[in-house]
PDB file of N, CA and C in Angstrom:
ATOM      1  N   MET A   1      -3.887  -5.800 -28.149  1.00  0.00           N
ATOM      2  CA  MET A   1      -4.572  -7.072 -28.395  1.00  0.00           C
ATOM      3  C   MET A   1      -5.922  -7.039 -27.692  1.00  0.00           C
ATOM      4  N   HIS A   2      -6.962  -7.486 -28.380  1.00  0.00           N
ATOM      5  CA  HIS A   2      -8.318  -7.434 -27.842  1.00  0.00           C
ATOM      6  C   HIS A   2      -8.713  -8.793 -27.285  1.00  0.00           C
ATOM      7  N   ASN A   3      -9.266  -8.800 -26.097  1.00  0.00           N
ATOM      8  CA  ASN A   3      -9.735 -10.020 -25.457  1.00  0.00           C
ATOM      9  C   ASN A   3     -11.158 -10.308 -25.920  1.00  0.00           C
ATOM     10  N   MET A   4     -11.410 -11.485 -26.491  1.00  0.00           N
ATOM     11  CA  MET A   4     -12.739 -11.837 -27.002  1.00  0.00           C
ATOM     12  C   MET A   4     -13.780 -11.962 -25.891  1.00  0.00           C
ATOM     13  N   ASP A   5     -13.330 -12.118 -24.646  1.00  0.00           N
ATOM     14  CA  ASP A   5     -14.267 -12.218 -23.529  1.00  0.00           C
ATOM     15  C   ASP A   5     -14.646 -10.852 -22.977  1.00  0.00           C
ATOM     16  N   ASP A   6     -14.182  -9.783 -23.602  1.00  0.00           N
ATOM     17  CA  ASP A   6     -14.439  -8.424 -23.152  1.00  0.00           C
ATOM     18  C   ASP A   6     -15.898  -8.062 -23.399  1.00  0.00           C
ATOM     19  N   ASP A   7     -16.672  -7.887 -22.326  1.00  0.00           N
ATOM     20  CA  ASP A   7     -18.101  -7.594 -22.449  1.00  0.00           C
ATOM     21  C   ASP A   7     -18.376  -6.160 -22.907  1.00  0.00           C
ATOM     22  N   SER A   8     -17.352  -5.314 -22.992  1.00  0.00           N
ATOM     23  CA  SER A   8     -17.575  -3.928 -23.389  1.00  0.00           C
ATOM     24  C   SER A   8     -17.777  -3.784 -24.895  1.00  0.00           C
ATOM     25  N   MET A   9     -17.428  -4.791 -25.675  1.00  0.00           N
ATOM     26  CA  MET A   9     -17.595  -4.724 -27.120  1.00  0.00           C
ATOM     27  C   MET A   9     -18.999  -5.206 -27.480  1.00  0.00           C
ATOM     28  N   PRO A  10     -19.814  -4.349 -28.114  1.00  0.00           N
ATOM     29  CA  PRO A  10     -21.170  -4.774 -28.453  1.00  0.00           C
ATOM     30  C   PRO A  10     -21.156  -5.849 -29.531  1.00  0.00           C
ATOM     31  N   LEU A  11     -22.119  -6.748 -29.458  1.00  0.00           N
ATOM     32  CA  LEU A  11     -22.245  -7.807 -30.457  1.00  0.00           C
ATOM     33  C   LEU A  11     -22.972  -7.274 -31.686  1.00  0.00           C
ATOM     34  N   PRO A  12     -22.634  -7.793 -32.850  1.00  0.00           N
ATOM     35  CA  PRO A  12     -23.364  -7.389 -34.065  1.00  0.00           C
ATOM     36  C   PRO A  12     -24.834  -7.811 -33.986  1.00  0.00           C
ATOM     37  N   ASN A  13     -25.659  -7.215 -34.832  1.00  0.00           N
ATOM     38  CA  ASN A  13     -27.068  -7.596 -34.886  1.00  0.00           C
ATOM     39  C   ASN A  13     -27.204  -9.090 -35.154  1.00  0.00           C
ATOM     40  N   HIS A  14     -28.175  -9.702 -34.538  1.00  0.00           N
ATOM     41  CA  HIS A  14     -28.520 -11.112 -34.720  1.00  0.00           C
ATOM     42  C   HIS A  14     -27.508 -12.066 -34.092  1.00  0.00           C
ATOM     43  N   VAL A  15     -26.550 -11.563 -33.315  1.00  0.00           N
ATOM     44  CA  VAL A  15     -25.568 -12.420 -32.657  1.00  0.00           C
ATOM     45  C   VAL A  15     -25.830 -12.382 -31.156  1.00  0.00           C
ATOM     46  N   THR A  16     -25.872 -13.559 -30.554  1.00  0.00           N
ATOM     47  CA  THR A  16     -26.018 -13.668 -29.109  1.00  0.00           C
ATOM     48  C   THR A  16     -24.904 -14.551 -28.578  1.00  0.00           C
ATOM     49  N   CYS A  17     -24.639 -14.436 -27.297  1.00  0.00           N
ATOM     50  CA  CYS A  17     -23.649 -15.291 -26.646  1.00  0.00           C
ATOM     51  C   CYS A  17     -24.312 -15.943 -25.449  1.00  0.00           C
ATOM     52  N   ARG A  18     -24.323 -17.257 -25.453  1.00  0.00           N
ATOM     53  CA  ARG A  18     -24.903 -18.011 -24.341  1.00  0.00           C
ATOM     54  C   ARG A  18     -23.873 -19.003 -23.837  1.00  0.00           C
ATOM     55  N   ASP A  19     -23.495 -18.872 -22.602  1.00  0.00           N
ATOM     56  CA  ASP A  19     -22.512 -19.763 -21.976  1.00  0.00           C
ATOM     57  C   ASP A  19     -21.229 -19.855 -22.794  1.00  0.00           C
ATOM     58  N   GLY A  20     -20.781 -18.731 -23.348  1.00  0.00           N
ATOM     59  CA  GLY A  20     -19.542 -18.696 -24.102  1.00  0.00           C
ATOM     60  C   GLY A  20     -19.652 -19.166 -25.539  1.00  0.00           C
ATOM     61  N   VAL A  21     -20.870 -19.499 -25.990  1.00  0.00           N
ATOM     62  CA  VAL A  21     -21.089 -19.948 -27.370  1.00  0.00           C
ATOM     63  C   VAL A  21     -21.810 -18.840 -28.119  1.00  0.00           C
ATOM     64  N   TYR A  22     -21.208 -18.376 -29.207  1.00  0.00           N
ATOM     65  CA  TYR A  22     -21.816 -17.325 -30.017  1.00  0.00           C
ATOM     66  C   TYR A  22     -22.761 -17.940 -31.035  1.00  0.00           C
ATOM     67  N   GLN A  23     -23.943 -17.333 -31.181  1.00  0.00           N
ATOM     68  CA  GLN A  23     -24.949 -17.834 -32.120  1.00  0.00           C
ATOM     69  C   GLN A  23     -25.418 -16.708 -33.017  1.00  0.00           C
ATOM     70  N   TYR A  24     -25.597 -17.013 -34.292  1.00  0.00           N
ATOM     71  CA  TYR A  24     -26.167 -16.078 -35.260  1.00  0.00           C
ATOM     72  C   TYR A  24     -27.527 -16.640 -35.630  1.00  0.00           C
ATOM     73  N   VAL A  25     -28.587 -15.905 -35.336  1.00  0.00           N
ATOM     74  CA  VAL A  25     -29.941 -16.402 -35.547  1.00  0.00           C
ATOM     75  C   VAL A  25     -30.730 -15.409 -36.377  1.00  0.00           C
ATOM     76  N   ARG A  26     -31.402 -15.920 -37.385  1.00  0.00           N
ATOM     77  CA  ARG A  26     -32.265 -15.093 -38.228  1.00  0.00           C
ATOM     78  C   ARG A  26     -33.594 -15.804 -38.423  1.00  0.00           C
ATOM     79  N   ARG A  27     -34.639 -15.007 -38.564  1.00  0.00           N
ATOM     80  CA  ARG A  27     -35.961 -15.548 -38.863  1.00  0.00           C
ATOM     81  C   ARG A  27     -36.001 -15.909 -40.347  1.00  0.00           C
ATOM     82  N   VAL A  28     -36.638 -17.042 -40.656  1.00  0.00           N
ATOM     83  CA  VAL A  28     -36.801 -17.457 -42.047  1.00  0.00           C
ATOM     84  C   VAL A  28     -37.970 -16.669 -42.629  1.00  0.00           C
ATOM     85  N   THR A  29     -37.746 -16.008 -43.742  1.00  0.00           N
ATOM     86  CA  THR A  29     -38.809 -15.205 -44.357  1.00  0.00           C
ATOM     87  C   THR A  29     -39.830 -16.095 -45.052  1.00  0.00           C
ATOM     88  N   ASP A  30     -41.033 -15.571 -45.209  1.00  0.00           N
ATOM     89  CA  ASP A  30     -42.132 -16.344 -45.781  1.00  0.00           C
ATOM     90  C   ASP A  30     -41.824 -16.875 -47.182  1.00  0.00           C
ATOM     91  N   ASP A  31     -41.074 -16.124 -47.976  1.00  0.00           N
ATOM     92  CA  ASP A  31     -40.832 -16.553 -49.351  1.00  0.00           C
ATOM     93  C   ASP A  31     -39.921 -17.778 -49.458  1.00  0.00           C
ATOM     94  N   VAL A  32     -39.181 -18.116 -48.407  1.00  0.00           N
ATOM     95  CA  VAL A  32     -38.330 -19.309 -48.434  1.00  0.00           C
ATOM     96  C   VAL A  32     -38.666 -20.294 -47.325  1.00  0.00           C
ATOM     97  N   ALA A  33     -39.736 -20.055 -46.590  1.00  0.00           N
ATOM     98  CA  ALA A  33     -40.096 -20.882 -45.442  1.00  0.00           C
ATOM     99  C   ALA A  33     -40.303 -22.353 -45.792  1.00  0.00           C
ATOM    100  N   ASP A  34     -40.774 -22.633 -47.000  1.00  0.00           N
ATOM    101  CA  ASP A  34     -41.000 -24.027 -47.408  1.00  0.00           C
ATOM    102  C   ASP A  34     -39.706 -24.816 -47.500  1.00  0.00           C
ATOM    103  N   ALA A  35     -38.572 -24.165 -47.644  1.00  0.00           N
ATOM    104  CA  ALA A  35     -37.289 -24.841 -47.772  1.00  0.00           C
ATOM    105  C   ALA A  35     -36.652 -25.171 -46.425  1.00  0.00           C
ATOM    106  N   PHE A  36     -37.231 -24.665 -45.318  1.00  0.00           N
ATOM    107  CA  PHE A  36     -36.644 -24.871 -43.988  1.00  0.00           C
ATOM    108  C   PHE A  36     -37.660 -25.504 -43.056  1.00  0.00           C
ATOM    109  N   ALA A  37     -37.168 -26.353 -42.188  1.00  0.00           N
ATOM    110  CA  ALA A  37     -38.039 -27.065 -41.233  1.00  0.00           C
ATOM    111  C   ALA A  37     -38.401 -26.190 -40.029  1.00  0.00           C
ATOM    112  N   LYS A  38     -37.643 -25.115 -39.800  1.00  0.00           N
ATOM    113  CA  LYS A  38     -37.873 -24.273 -38.631  1.00  0.00           C
ATOM    114  C   LYS A  38     -38.095 -22.831 -39.051  1.00  0.00           C
ATOM    115  N   SER A  39     -38.643 -22.027 -38.135  1.00  0.00           N
ATOM    116  CA  SER A  39     -38.914 -20.627 -38.450  1.00  0.00           C
ATOM    117  C   SER A  39     -37.695 -19.734 -38.211  1.00  0.00           C
ATOM    118  N   ARG A  40     -36.655 -20.310 -37.576  1.00  0.00           N
ATOM    119  CA  ARG A  40     -35.408 -19.568 -37.346  1.00  0.00           C
ATOM    120  C   ARG A  40     -34.233 -20.469 -37.676  1.00  0.00           C
ATOM    121  N   ILE A  41     -33.200 -19.865 -38.218  1.00  0.00           N
ATOM    122  CA  ILE A  41     -31.975 -20.631 -38.493  1.00  0.00           C
ATOM    123  C   ILE A  41     -30.807 -19.938 -37.849  1.00  0.00           C
TER     124      ILE A  41
END
């Protein structure tokens, strides 16, 4: 059984962990930027 708090497992690209909360963040590309209020989602 794998412990999710195990720091030895690398995170996938674009995934970060801050204070136990995992976040997936990507930059909004220019061709769809008009549809989003922010430059990252």
